[in-house]
């Protein structure tokens, strides 16, 4: 029997808001121009990646840069089930 999320902590709500903000900021990331040198690209990746686990919610937002493009990988798991970012909004 799976745990049902009725309430989430303030820390989890803050993480959900941050995750949604990252999703909005990087929704057209494929068309962004990445930093020009490798060390700047790695710094950009580290600064703009996000991960959170708590209250039955796992959020991962990974940025990766090639020489020409910026790529985004998003993962949302609620009680172990894979969901979309839109499913998070009901927990706010």
PDB file of N, CA and C in Angstrom:
ATOM      1  N   UNK A   1       0.845  -1.183   0.000  1.00  0.00           N
ATOM      2  CA  UNK A   1       0.000   0.000   0.000  1.00  0.00           C
ATOM      3  C   UNK A   1       0.889   1.246   0.000  1.00  0.00           C
ATOM      4  N   UNK A   2       0.612   2.146  -0.911  1.00  0.00           N
ATOM      5  CA  UNK A   2       1.441   3.333  -1.054  1.00  0.00           C
ATOM      6  C   UNK A   2       0.989   4.445  -0.127  1.00  0.00           C
ATOM      7  N   UNK A   3       1.957   5.221   0.305  1.00  0.00           N
ATOM      8  CA  UNK A   3       1.691   6.374   1.145  1.00  0.00           C
ATOM      9  C   UNK A   3       1.032   7.469   0.306  1.00  0.00           C
ATOM     10  N   UNK A   4      -0.010   8.065   0.823  1.00  0.00           N
ATOM     11  CA  UNK A   4      -0.722   9.137   0.117  1.00  0.00           C
ATOM     12  C   UNK A   4      -0.206  10.473   0.613  1.00  0.00           C
ATOM     13  N   UNK A   5       0.123  11.360  -0.333  1.00  0.00           N
ATOM     14  CA  UNK A   5       0.596  12.690   0.036  1.00  0.00           C
ATOM     15  C   UNK A   5      -0.586  13.601   0.319  1.00  0.00           C
ATOM     16  N   UNK A   6      -0.837  13.883   1.565  1.00  0.00           N
ATOM     17  CA  UNK A   6      -1.888  14.825   1.922  1.00  0.00           C
ATOM     18  C   UNK A   6      -1.317  16.197   2.198  1.00  0.00           C
ATOM     19  N   UNK A   7      -0.252  16.217   2.948  1.00  0.00           N
ATOM     20  CA  UNK A   7       0.397  17.484   3.270  1.00  0.00           C
ATOM     21  C   UNK A   7       1.883  17.353   2.989  1.00  0.00           C
ATOM     22  N   UNK A   8       2.470  18.429   2.596  1.00  0.00           N
ATOM     23  CA  UNK A   8       3.915  18.456   2.377  1.00  0.00           C
ATOM     24  C   UNK A   8       4.496  19.573   3.226  1.00  0.00           C
ATOM     25  N   UNK A   9       5.749  19.414   3.597  1.00  0.00           N
ATOM     26  CA  UNK A   9       6.398  20.395   4.464  1.00  0.00           C
ATOM     27  C   UNK A   9       6.679  21.687   3.703  1.00  0.00           C
ATOM     28  N   UNK A  10       7.010  22.724   4.438  1.00  0.00           N
ATOM     29  CA  UNK A  10       7.338  24.022   3.833  1.00  0.00           C
ATOM     30  C   UNK A  10       8.597  23.908   2.979  1.00  0.00           C
ATOM     31  N   UNK A  11       9.540  23.073   3.407  1.00  0.00           N
ATOM     32  CA  UNK A  11      10.767  22.873   2.634  1.00  0.00           C
ATOM     33  C   UNK A  11      10.450  22.221   1.290  1.00  0.00           C
ATOM     34  N   UNK A  12       9.539  21.251   1.275  1.00  0.00           N
ATOM     35  CA  UNK A  12       9.151  20.590   0.029  1.00  0.00           C
ATOM     36  C   UNK A  12       8.400  21.549  -0.874  1.00  0.00           C
ATOM     37  N   UNK A  13       7.538  22.379  -0.313  1.00  0.00           N
ATOM     38  CA  UNK A  13       6.831  23.371  -1.129  1.00  0.00           C
ATOM     39  C   UNK A  13       7.805  24.350  -1.759  1.00  0.00           C
ATOM     40  N   UNK A  14       8.817  24.746  -1.015  1.00  0.00           N
ATOM     41  CA  UNK A  14       9.841  25.637  -1.548  1.00  0.00           C
ATOM     42  C   UNK A  14      10.611  24.953  -2.684  1.00  0.00           C
ATOM     43  N   UNK A  15      10.926  23.675  -2.509  1.00  0.00           N
ATOM     44  CA  UNK A  15      11.629  22.924  -3.555  1.00  0.00           C
ATOM     45  C   UNK A  15      10.761  22.794  -4.805  1.00  0.00           C
ATOM     46  N   UNK A  16       9.476  22.577  -4.639  1.00  0.00           N
ATOM     47  CA  UNK A  16       8.556  22.475  -5.784  1.00  0.00           C
ATOM     48  C   UNK A  16       8.493  23.801  -6.528  1.00  0.00           C
ATOM     49  N   UNK A  17       8.416  24.889  -5.784  1.00  0.00           N
ATOM     50  CA  UNK A  17       8.406  26.217  -6.431  1.00  0.00           C
ATOM     51  C   UNK A  17       9.692  26.460  -7.209  1.00  0.00           C
ATOM     52  N   UNK A  18      10.821  26.099  -6.616  1.00  0.00           N
ATOM     53  CA  UNK A  18      12.113  26.257  -7.299  1.00  0.00           C
ATOM     54  C   UNK A  18      12.167  25.414  -8.563  1.00  0.00           C
ATOM     55  N   UNK A  19      11.673  24.193  -8.476  1.00  0.00           N
ATOM     56  CA  UNK A  19      11.659  23.294  -9.629  1.00  0.00           C
ATOM     57  C   UNK A  19      10.808  23.872 -10.759  1.00  0.00           C
ATOM     58  N   UNK A  20       9.632  24.391 -10.421  1.00  0.00           N
ATOM     59  CA  UNK A  20       8.747  24.994 -11.430  1.00  0.00           C
ATOM     60  C   UNK A  20       9.392  26.235 -12.033  1.00  0.00           C
ATOM     61  N   UNK A  21      10.082  27.026 -11.202  1.00  0.00           N
ATOM     62  CA  UNK A  21      10.806  28.197 -11.726  1.00  0.00           C
ATOM     63  C   UNK A  21      11.900  27.785 -12.710  1.00  0.00           C
ATOM     64  N   UNK A  22      12.645  26.717 -12.387  1.00  0.00           N
ATOM     65  CA  UNK A  22      13.657  26.214 -13.303  1.00  0.00           C
ATOM     66  C   UNK A  22      13.014  25.747 -14.611  1.00  0.00           C
ATOM     67  N   UNK A  23      11.880  25.081 -14.515  1.00  0.00           N
ATOM     68  CA  UNK A  23      11.190  24.609 -15.724  1.00  0.00           C
ATOM     69  C   UNK A  23      10.782  25.775 -16.616  1.00  0.00           C
ATOM     70  N   UNK A  24      10.278  26.839 -16.010  1.00  0.00           N
ATOM     71  CA  UNK A  24       9.881  28.016 -16.795  1.00  0.00           C
ATOM     72  C   UNK A  24      11.098  28.713 -17.401  1.00  0.00           C
ATOM     73  N   UNK A  25      12.162  28.828 -16.630  1.00  0.00           N
ATOM     74  CA  UNK A  25      13.353  29.526 -17.097  1.00  0.00           C
ATOM     75  C   UNK A  25      14.010  28.801 -18.269  1.00  0.00           C
ATOM     76  N   UNK A  26      14.018  27.472 -18.236  1.00  0.00           N
ATOM     77  CA  UNK A  26      14.730  26.688 -19.234  1.00  0.00           C
ATOM     78  C   UNK A  26      13.812  25.967 -20.218  1.00  0.00           C
ATOM     79  N   UNK A  27      12.600  26.449 -20.414  1.00  0.00           N
ATOM     80  CA  UNK A  27      11.694  25.735 -21.311  1.00  0.00           C
ATOM     81  C   UNK A  27      12.145  25.776 -22.769  1.00  0.00           C
ATOM     82  N   UNK A  28      12.918  26.748 -23.180  1.00  0.00           N
ATOM     83  CA  UNK A  28      13.464  26.821 -24.537  1.00  0.00           C
ATOM     84  C   UNK A  28      14.985  26.704 -24.513  1.00  0.00           C
ATOM     85  N   UNK A  29      15.522  25.911 -23.624  1.00  0.00           N
ATOM     86  CA  UNK A  29      16.967  25.850 -23.408  1.00  0.00           C
ATOM     87  C   UNK A  29      17.732  25.341 -24.620  1.00  0.00           C
ATOM     88  N   UNK A  30      17.112  24.551 -25.456  1.00  0.00           N
ATOM     89  CA  UNK A  30      17.819  24.033 -26.626  1.00  0.00           C
ATOM     90  C   UNK A  30      18.305  25.170 -27.525  1.00  0.00           C
ATOM     91  N   UNK A  31      17.614  26.289 -27.481  1.00  0.00           N
ATOM     92  CA  UNK A  31      17.973  27.425 -28.320  1.00  0.00           C
ATOM     93  C   UNK A  31      18.890  28.423 -27.618  1.00  0.00           C
ATOM     94  N   UNK A  32      19.258  28.154 -26.348  1.00  0.00           N
ATOM     95  CA  UNK A  32      20.166  29.026 -25.624  1.00  0.00           C
ATOM     96  C   UNK A  32      21.581  28.873 -26.178  1.00  0.00           C
ATOM     97  N   UNK A  33      22.380  29.893 -26.029  1.00  0.00           N
ATOM     98  CA  UNK A  33      23.793  29.827 -26.386  1.00  0.00           C
ATOM     99  C   UNK A  33      24.586  29.485 -25.130  1.00  0.00           C
ATOM    100  N   UNK A  34      25.312  28.383 -25.144  1.00  0.00           N
ATOM    101  CA  UNK A  34      26.070  28.005 -23.949  1.00  0.00           C
ATOM    102  C   UNK A  34      27.317  28.866 -23.791  1.00  0.00           C
ATOM    103  N   UNK A  35      27.915  28.856 -22.615  1.00  0.00           N
ATOM    104  CA  UNK A  35      29.177  29.572 -22.421  1.00  0.00           C
ATOM    105  C   UNK A  35      30.253  29.052 -23.384  1.00  0.00           C
ATOM    106  N   UNK A  36      31.219  29.880 -23.665  1.00  0.00           N
ATOM    107  CA  UNK A  36      32.175  29.569 -24.738  1.00  0.00           C
ATOM    108  C   UNK A  36      33.259  28.560 -24.366  1.00  0.00           C
ATOM    109  N   UNK A  37      33.723  28.533 -23.129  1.00  0.00           N
ATOM    110  CA  UNK A  37      34.780  27.572 -22.801  1.00  0.00           C
ATOM    111  C   UNK A  37      34.259  26.485 -21.855  1.00  0.00           C
ATOM    112  N   UNK A  38      34.997  25.392 -21.773  1.00  0.00           N
ATOM    113  CA  UNK A  38      34.547  24.213 -21.045  1.00  0.00           C
ATOM    114  C   UNK A  38      34.342  24.468 -19.551  1.00  0.00           C
ATOM    115  N   UNK A  39      35.243  25.203 -18.934  1.00  0.00           N
ATOM    116  CA  UNK A  39      35.092  25.439 -17.494  1.00  0.00           C
ATOM    117  C   UNK A  39      33.854  26.287 -17.204  1.00  0.00           C
ATOM    118  N   UNK A  40      33.546  27.214 -18.065  1.00  0.00           N
ATOM    119  CA  UNK A  40      32.336  28.021 -17.887  1.00  0.00           C
ATOM    120  C   UNK A  40      31.083  27.182 -18.099  1.00  0.00           C
ATOM    121  N   UNK A  41      31.131  26.241 -19.040  1.00  0.00           N
ATOM    122  CA  UNK A  41      29.984  25.358 -19.263  1.00  0.00           C
ATOM    123  C   UNK A  41      29.741  24.475 -18.059  1.00  0.00           C
ATOM    124  N   UNK A  42      30.793  23.920 -17.451  1.00  0.00           N
ATOM    125  CA  UNK A  42      30.631  23.067 -16.264  1.00  0.00           C
ATOM    126  C   UNK A  42      30.110  23.884 -15.083  1.00  0.00           C
ATOM    127  N   UNK A  43      30.579  25.094 -14.944  1.00  0.00           N
ATOM    128  CA  UNK A  43      30.088  25.976 -13.887  1.00  0.00           C
ATOM    129  C   UNK A  43      28.608  26.291 -14.097  1.00  0.00           C
ATOM    130  N   UNK A  44      28.216  26.550 -15.330  1.00  0.00           N
ATOM    131  CA  UNK A  44      26.813  26.825 -15.678  1.00  0.00           C
ATOM    132  C   UNK A  44      25.938  25.613 -15.360  1.00  0.00           C
ATOM    133  N   UNK A  45      26.428  24.416 -15.669  1.00  0.00           N
ATOM    134  CA  UNK A  45      25.693  23.189 -15.369  1.00  0.00           C
ATOM    135  C   UNK A  45      25.494  23.020 -13.872  1.00  0.00           C
ATOM    136  N   UNK A  46      26.555  23.220 -13.094  1.00  0.00           N
ATOM    137  CA  UNK A  46      26.465  23.050 -11.642  1.00  0.00           C
ATOM    138  C   UNK A  46      25.564  24.096 -11.002  1.00  0.00           C
ATOM    139  N   UNK A  47      25.619  25.326 -11.499  1.00  0.00           N
ATOM    140  CA  UNK A  47      24.825  26.408 -10.927  1.00  0.00           C
ATOM    141  C   UNK A  47      23.331  26.228 -11.204  1.00  0.00           C
ATOM    142  N   UNK A  48      22.984  25.662 -12.352  1.00  0.00           N
ATOM    143  CA  UNK A  48      21.587  25.588 -12.766  1.00  0.00           C
ATOM    144  C   UNK A  48      20.967  24.206 -12.659  1.00  0.00           C
ATOM    145  N   UNK A  49      21.640  23.256 -12.036  1.00  0.00           N
ATOM    146  CA  UNK A  49      21.047  21.937 -11.807  1.00  0.00           C
ATOM    147  C   UNK A  49      20.427  21.908 -10.418  1.00  0.00           C
ATOM    148  N   UNK A  50      19.440  21.033 -10.242  1.00  0.00           N
ATOM    149  CA  UNK A  50      18.646  21.029  -9.021  1.00  0.00           C
ATOM    150  C   UNK A  50      18.252  19.596  -8.698  1.00  0.00           C
ATOM    151  N   UNK A  51      18.315  19.216  -7.435  1.00  0.00           N
ATOM    152  CA  UNK A  51      17.890  17.898  -7.002  1.00  0.00           C
ATOM    153  C   UNK A  51      17.294  18.002  -5.597  1.00  0.00           C
ATOM    154  N   UNK A  52      16.197  17.259  -5.360  1.00  0.00           N
ATOM    155  CA  UNK A  52      15.552  17.273  -4.047  1.00  0.00           C
ATOM    156  C   UNK A  52      14.867  15.931  -3.814  1.00  0.00           C
ATOM    157  N   UNK A  53      14.965  15.424  -2.579  1.00  0.00           N
ATOM    158  CA  UNK A  53      14.246  14.220  -2.158  1.00  0.00           C
ATOM    159  C   UNK A  53      13.645  14.493  -0.790  1.00  0.00           C
ATOM    160  N   UNK A  54      12.364  14.241  -0.665  1.00  0.00           N
ATOM    161  CA  UNK A  54      11.714  14.409   0.628  1.00  0.00           C
ATOM    162  C   UNK A  54      10.206  14.349   0.523  1.00  0.00           C
ATOM    163  N   UNK A  55       9.533  13.903   1.583  1.00  0.00           N
ATOM    164  CA  UNK A  55       8.070  13.798   1.659  1.00  0.00           C
ATOM    165  C   UNK A  55       7.488  12.971   0.513  1.00  0.00           C
ATOM    166  N   UNK A  56       8.204  11.940   0.059  1.00  0.00           N
ATOM    167  CA  UNK A  56       7.696  11.089  -1.013  1.00  0.00           C
ATOM    168  C   UNK A  56       7.836  11.687  -2.401  1.00  0.00           C
ATOM    169  N   UNK A  57       8.562  12.791  -2.517  1.00  0.00           N
ATOM    170  CA  UNK A  57       8.747  13.463  -3.801  1.00  0.00           C
ATOM    171  C   UNK A  57      10.234  13.502  -4.138  1.00  0.00           C
ATOM    172  N   UNK A  58      10.573  13.109  -5.355  1.00  0.00           N
ATOM    173  CA  UNK A  58      11.941  13.207  -5.847  1.00  0.00           C
ATOM    174  C   UNK A  58      11.941  14.095  -7.084  1.00  0.00           C
ATOM    175  N   UNK A  59      12.755  15.141  -7.057  1.00  0.00           N
ATOM    176  CA  UNK A  59      12.851  16.086  -8.168  1.00  0.00           C
ATOM    177  C   UNK A  59      14.287  16.148  -8.651  1.00  0.00           C
ATOM    178  N   UNK A  60      14.494  16.017  -9.950  1.00  0.00           N
ATOM    179  CA  UNK A  60      15.821  16.170 -10.552  1.00  0.00           C
ATOM    180  C   UNK A  60      15.681  17.057 -11.772  1.00  0.00           C
ATOM    181  N   UNK A  61      16.514  18.072 -11.841  1.00  0.00           N
ATOM    182  CA  UNK A  61      16.552  18.990 -12.971  1.00  0.00           C
ATOM    183  C   UNK A  61      18.015  19.136 -13.351  1.00  0.00           C
ATOM    184  N   UNK A  62      18.416  18.508 -14.441  1.00  0.00           N
ATOM    185  CA  UNK A  62      19.818  18.485 -14.844  1.00  0.00           C
ATOM    186  C   UNK A  62      20.026  19.282 -16.121  1.00  0.00           C
ATOM    187  N   UNK A  63      21.014  20.149 -16.097  1.00  0.00           N
ATOM    188  CA  UNK A  63      21.420  20.937 -17.261  1.00  0.00           C
ATOM    189  C   UNK A  63      22.734  20.357 -17.762  1.00  0.00           C
ATOM    190  N   UNK A  64      22.849  20.169 -19.061  1.00  0.00           N
ATOM    191  CA  UNK A  64      24.127  19.791 -19.657  1.00  0.00           C
ATOM    192  C   UNK A  64      24.358  20.658 -20.887  1.00  0.00           C
ATOM    193  N   UNK A  65      25.595  21.026 -21.096  1.00  0.00           N
ATOM    194  CA  UNK A  65      25.962  21.909 -22.201  1.00  0.00           C
ATOM    195  C   UNK A  65      26.945  21.208 -23.124  1.00  0.00           C
ATOM    196  N   UNK A  66      26.686  21.314 -24.402  1.00  0.00           N
ATOM    197  CA  UNK A  66      27.685  20.929 -25.398  1.00  0.00           C
ATOM    198  C   UNK A  66      28.312  22.222 -25.902  1.00  0.00           C
ATOM    199  N   UNK A  67      29.117  22.125 -26.904  1.00  0.00           N
ATOM    200  CA  UNK A  67      29.743  23.331 -27.442  1.00  0.00           C
ATOM    201  C   UNK A  67      28.716  24.242 -28.116  1.00  0.00           C
ATOM    202  N   UNK A  68      27.591  23.672 -28.551  1.00  0.00           N
ATOM    203  CA  UNK A  68      26.613  24.474 -29.292  1.00  0.00           C
ATOM    204  C   UNK A  68      25.217  24.548 -28.682  1.00  0.00           C
ATOM    205  N   UNK A  69      24.880  23.641 -27.777  1.00  0.00           N
ATOM    206  CA  UNK A  69      23.511  23.600 -27.253  1.00  0.00           C
ATOM    207  C   UNK A  69      23.480  23.422 -25.742  1.00  0.00           C
ATOM    208  N   UNK A  70      22.331  23.758 -25.157  1.00  0.00           N
ATOM    209  CA  UNK A  70      22.058  23.522 -23.742  1.00  0.00           C
ATOM    210  C   UNK A  70      20.918  22.512 -23.682  1.00  0.00           C
ATOM    211  N   UNK A  71      21.115  21.439 -22.928  1.00  0.00           N
ATOM    212  CA  UNK A  71      20.117  20.378 -22.824  1.00  0.00           C
ATOM    213  C   UNK A  71      19.572  20.313 -21.402  1.00  0.00           C
ATOM    214  N   UNK A  72      18.292  19.948 -21.275  1.00  0.00           N
ATOM    215  CA  UNK A  72      17.627  19.846 -19.981  1.00  0.00           C
ATOM    216  C   UNK A  72      17.049  18.441 -19.833  1.00  0.00           C
ATOM    217  N   UNK A  73      17.262  17.840 -18.664  1.00  0.00           N
ATOM    218  CA  UNK A  73      16.626  16.564 -18.319  1.00  0.00           C
ATOM    219  C   UNK A  73      15.861  16.784 -17.025  1.00  0.00           C
ATOM    220  N   UNK A  74      14.573  16.456 -17.051  1.00  0.00           N
ATOM    221  CA  UNK A  74      13.720  16.643 -15.883  1.00  0.00           C
ATOM    222  C   UNK A  74      13.133  15.300 -15.465  1.00  0.00           C
ATOM    223  N   UNK A  75      13.126  15.053 -14.157  1.00  0.00           N
ATOM    224  CA  UNK A  75      12.534  13.834 -13.620  1.00  0.00           C
ATOM    225  C   UNK A  75      11.726  14.196 -12.380  1.00  0.00           C
ATOM    226  N   UNK A  76      10.505  13.710 -12.322  1.00  0.00           N
ATOM    227  CA  UNK A  76       9.641  13.914 -11.162  1.00  0.00           C
ATOM    228  C   UNK A  76       9.073  12.562 -10.763  1.00  0.00           C
ATOM    229  N   UNK A  77       9.285  12.172  -9.510  1.00  0.00           N
ATOM    230  CA  UNK A  77       8.710  10.940  -8.982  1.00  0.00           C
ATOM    231  C   UNK A  77       7.923  11.296  -7.727  1.00  0.00           C
ATOM    232  N   UNK A  78       6.672  10.897  -7.716  1.00  0.00           N
ATOM    233  CA  UNK A  78       5.821  11.098  -6.553  1.00  0.00           C
ATOM    234  C   UNK A  78       5.408   9.718  -6.068  1.00  0.00           C
ATOM    235  N   UNK A  79       5.817   9.377  -4.846  1.00  0.00           N
ATOM    236  CA  UNK A  79       5.598   8.054  -4.270  1.00  0.00           C
ATOM    237  C   UNK A  79       6.122   6.956  -5.181  1.00  0.00           C
ATOM    238  N   UNK A  80       7.235   7.198  -5.844  1.00  0.00           N
ATOM    239  CA  UNK A  80       7.848   6.199  -6.698  1.00  0.00           C
ATOM    240  C   UNK A  80       7.286   6.124  -8.108  1.00  0.00           C
ATOM    241  N   UNK A  81       6.213   6.847  -8.394  1.00  0.00           N
ATOM    242  CA  UNK A  81       5.613   6.862  -9.731  1.00  0.00           C
ATOM    243  C   UNK A  81       6.122   8.060 -10.508  1.00  0.00           C
ATOM    244  N   UNK A  82       6.499   7.818 -11.763  1.00  0.00           N
ATOM    245  CA  UNK A  82       6.993   8.910 -12.601  1.00  0.00           C
ATOM    246  C   UNK A  82       5.826   9.791 -13.015  1.00  0.00           C
ATOM    247  N   UNK A  83       5.981  11.101 -12.824  1.00  0.00           N
ATOM    248  CA  UNK A  83       4.944  12.085 -13.149  1.00  0.00           C
ATOM    249  C   UNK A  83       5.535  13.202 -13.982  1.00  0.00           C
ATOM    250  N   UNK A  84       4.682  14.125 -14.406  1.00  0.00           N
ATOM    251  CA  UNK A  84       5.145  15.305 -15.117  1.00  0.00           C
ATOM    252  C   UNK A  84       5.246  16.474 -14.143  1.00  0.00           C
ATOM    253  N   UNK A  85       5.875  17.560 -14.590  1.00  0.00           N
ATOM    254  CA  UNK A  85       6.011  18.735 -13.741  1.00  0.00           C
ATOM    255  C   UNK A  85       4.645  19.366 -13.456  1.00  0.00           C
ATOM    256  N   UNK A  86       3.693  19.186 -14.348  1.00  0.00           N
ATOM    257  CA  UNK A  86       2.349  19.745 -14.136  1.00  0.00           C
ATOM    258  C   UNK A  86       1.662  19.100 -12.930  1.00  0.00           C
ATOM    259  N   UNK A  87       1.993  17.862 -12.627  1.00  0.00           N
ATOM    260  CA  UNK A  87       1.391  17.168 -11.483  1.00  0.00           C
ATOM    261  C   UNK A  87       1.840  17.767 -10.148  1.00  0.00           C
ATOM    262  N   UNK A  88       2.961  18.470 -10.157  1.00  0.00           N
ATOM    263  CA  UNK A  88       3.457  19.078  -8.907  1.00  0.00           C
ATOM    264  C   UNK A  88       2.623  20.252  -8.438  1.00  0.00           C
ATOM    265  N   UNK A  89       1.993  20.935  -9.352  1.00  0.00           N
ATOM    266  CA  UNK A  89       1.278  22.169  -8.991  1.00  0.00           C
ATOM    267  C   UNK A  89       0.141  21.923  -8.006  1.00  0.00           C
ATOM    268  N   UNK A  90      -0.427  20.724  -7.988  1.00  0.00           N
ATOM    269  CA  UNK A  90      -1.518  20.467  -7.040  1.00  0.00           C
ATOM    270  C   UNK A  90      -1.030  20.325  -5.601  1.00  0.00           C
ATOM    271  N   UNK A  91       0.293  20.143  -5.407  1.00  0.00           N
ATOM    272  CA  UNK A  91       0.844  20.034  -4.053  1.00  0.00           C
ATOM    273  C   UNK A  91       1.193  21.392  -3.453  1.00  0.00           C
ATOM    274  N   UNK A  92       1.042  22.449  -4.225  1.00  0.00           N
ATOM    275  CA  UNK A  92       1.290  23.781  -3.681  1.00  0.00           C
ATOM    276  C   UNK A  92       0.031  24.287  -3.063  1.00  0.00           C
TER     277      UNK A  92
END
